[in-house]
Each structure stands twice: as structure tokens, then as C-alpha cells.
Protein backbone atom coordinates (compact mmCIF):
# COMPACT_ATOMS: atom_id res chain seq x y z
CA MET A 1 11.07 3.02 2.99
CA GLY A 2 9.98 4.73 6.18
CA TYR A 3 6.76 5.99 4.64
CA LEU A 4 5.98 2.57 3.21
CA PHE A 5 6.31 1.05 6.68
CA LEU A 6 4.17 3.85 8.09
CA VAL A 7 1.39 3.30 5.53
CA LEU A 8 1.46 -0.43 6.25
CA ALA A 9 1.30 0.24 9.99
CA LEU A 10 -1.60 2.65 9.79
CA THR A 11 -3.51 0.39 7.40
CA LEU A 12 -3.03 -2.60 9.72
CA ASN A 13 -4.06 -0.48 12.71
CA ALA A 14 -7.23 0.70 10.98
CA ALA A 15 -8.07 -2.84 9.82
CA ALA A 16 -7.54 -4.11 13.37
CA ASN A 17 -9.98 -1.54 14.75
CA ILE A 18 -12.57 -2.42 12.13
CA LEU A 19 -12.25 -6.14 12.85
CA LEU A 20 -12.58 -5.49 16.59
CA LYS A 21 -15.75 -3.50 15.95
CA ILE A 22 -17.23 -6.33 13.87
CA GLY A 23 -16.24 -8.82 16.57
CA ALA A 24 -17.75 -6.61 19.27
CA MET A 25 -21.03 -6.38 17.37
CA ARG A 26 -21.14 -10.19 17.22
CA LEU A 27 -20.11 -10.60 20.86
CA GLY A 28 -23.19 -9.31 22.61
CA GLY A 29 -23.08 -7.95 26.13
CA LEU A 30 -20.07 -8.48 28.36
CA GLU A 31 -22.37 -9.47 31.21
CA GLU A 32 -23.82 -12.44 29.33
CA PRO A 33 -22.74 -15.97 30.31
CA GLY A 34 -19.95 -17.46 28.20
CA VAL A 35 -18.55 -14.09 27.14
CA LEU A 36 -14.96 -15.13 27.88
CA ALA A 37 -15.21 -18.16 25.60
CA ARG A 38 -16.68 -15.98 22.86
CA LEU A 39 -13.92 -13.39 23.35
CA VAL A 40 -11.12 -15.90 22.82
CA SER A 41 -12.81 -17.79 20.00
CA ASP A 42 -14.21 -15.05 17.77
CA TYR A 43 -12.07 -14.96 14.65
CA TYR A 44 -12.78 -11.26 14.03
CA LEU A 45 -11.47 -10.35 17.48
CA LEU A 46 -8.46 -12.66 17.12
CA ALA A 47 -7.66 -11.30 13.66
CA GLY A 48 -7.92 -7.75 15.02
CA LEU A 49 -5.44 -8.55 17.78
CA LEU A 50 -3.05 -10.13 15.28
CA LEU A 51 -3.24 -7.07 13.03
CA PHE A 52 -2.52 -4.83 16.03
CA ALA A 53 0.64 -6.85 16.69
CA LEU A 54 1.73 -6.59 13.05
CA ASN A 55 0.99 -2.87 13.15
CA VAL A 56 3.49 -2.45 15.97
CA VAL A 57 6.22 -4.19 13.98
CA PHE A 58 5.78 -1.93 10.97
CA TYR A 59 5.34 1.19 13.10
CA VAL A 60 8.62 0.53 14.90
CA ALA A 61 10.29 -0.01 11.50
CA ALA A 62 8.88 3.33 10.36
CA LEU A 63 10.13 5.05 13.51
CA THR A 64 13.67 3.91 12.79
CA ARG A 65 13.53 6.03 9.63
CA LEU A 66 11.12 8.90 10.37
CA ASN A 67 10.77 11.61 12.99
CA LEU A 68 8.12 10.83 15.58
CA SER A 69 6.77 14.37 15.14
CA VAL A 70 5.86 13.44 11.57
CA ALA A 71 5.13 9.72 11.86
CA TYR A 72 2.68 9.86 14.76
CA PRO A 73 0.34 12.53 13.33
CA ILE A 74 0.26 10.71 9.99
CA MET A 75 -0.34 7.40 11.78
CA VAL A 76 -3.23 8.73 13.85
CA ALA A 77 -4.89 10.89 11.19
CA GLY A 78 -4.50 8.27 8.47
CA GLY A 79 -6.03 5.65 10.73
CA ILE A 80 -8.95 7.90 11.60
CA ILE A 81 -9.63 8.66 7.95
CA ILE A 82 -9.57 4.96 7.01
CA VAL A 83 -11.71 3.88 9.98
CA VAL A 84 -14.35 6.56 9.43
CA SER A 85 -14.49 5.86 5.69
CA VAL A 86 -14.97 2.12 6.22
CA SER A 87 -17.42 2.76 9.05
CA VAL A 88 -19.59 4.83 6.73
CA LEU A 89 -19.26 2.68 3.61
CA ILE A 90 -19.35 -0.83 5.09
CA LEU A 91 -20.72 -0.59 8.64
CA ARG A 92 -23.31 2.01 7.54
CA GLU A 93 -22.52 4.38 10.39
CA ALA A 94 -23.71 7.96 10.04
CA VAL A 95 -21.32 10.93 9.91
CA THR A 96 -22.53 14.44 10.63
CA PRO A 97 -21.51 17.48 8.59
CA LEU A 98 -19.39 18.66 11.53
CA GLN A 99 -17.56 15.31 11.57
CA THR A 100 -17.00 15.62 7.82
CA LEU A 101 -15.46 19.04 8.40
CA GLY A 102 -13.26 17.53 11.08
CA LEU A 103 -12.07 14.85 8.65
CA ALA A 104 -11.28 17.50 6.04
CA LEU A 105 -9.26 19.41 8.63
CA LEU A 106 -7.45 16.19 9.55
CA VAL A 107 -6.46 15.68 5.93
CA LEU A 108 -5.27 19.28 5.70
CA GLY A 109 -3.41 19.10 9.00
CA THR A 110 -1.74 15.83 8.09
CA ALA A 111 -0.65 17.24 4.75
CA LEU A 112 0.83 20.27 6.51
CA VAL A 113 2.65 18.14 9.11
CA GLY A 114 4.14 15.89 6.43
CA HIS A 115 4.70 18.64 3.83
CA ARG A 116 8.26 19.50 4.74
CA THR A 117 9.33 15.87 4.66
CA PHE A 118 7.66 15.24 1.30
CA ALA A 119 9.06 18.37 -0.40
């Protein structure tokens, strides 16, 4: 059950970051008039904040069942992998070969960190 909660938490966290990025792209500059009204009324930003809150609930549930030394690396690396993948596929952001290597190392490192608990 702990890993299910962890996967839910990292997925919600990644989705929250993606929604915040979309909201930020729609927001415009922070120095423009009316930015506060746009901040509190943009549904992408509000949905991102809600998903962050839900992420915390599931992450805490995961931490009641998993070691932090395993849960946190999986949480962070899994989130990075999801965010970068969506950023490339949907937001059309570019990823360099060096970044791709970094992602591959993240996958490998995460597998090694979680290996003992999965075996």
C-alpha cells in the first residue's frame, strides 16, 4: 500500500507542477496591473495548488509505511521524470542530450535506491 500512496503522491505532485506552469504561461508578467486577481482566479493555478495539497496527504500516507530514505528519492526522481516527459511531449520544451543522460541516470539511481525494498 505504501508504494501505491507514493505513486499517487508523485503523480499528483508532477501534475500540480505542470498545471502551475500552464497557469504561469497564461498569467503574463507579475508586474502587470491586475496580476493578483489573475493569480487567484486562474483555474490552472488553483487546480495546481489543490493537487499539491492532495499530494501531501498521499505522501504522508506513504511515509507511514515506507522509509524516508527510499520514499523521498523515488518521489523526487519520479516527479522529475514525469514533468520532463510531459514538458517535452505536451509543452514542446526542448531537452538536450545531456539532460536525457541525466534522466537515464535518474531512472537507474531510483531503481537502485528502491531495489532492496522491491526484492
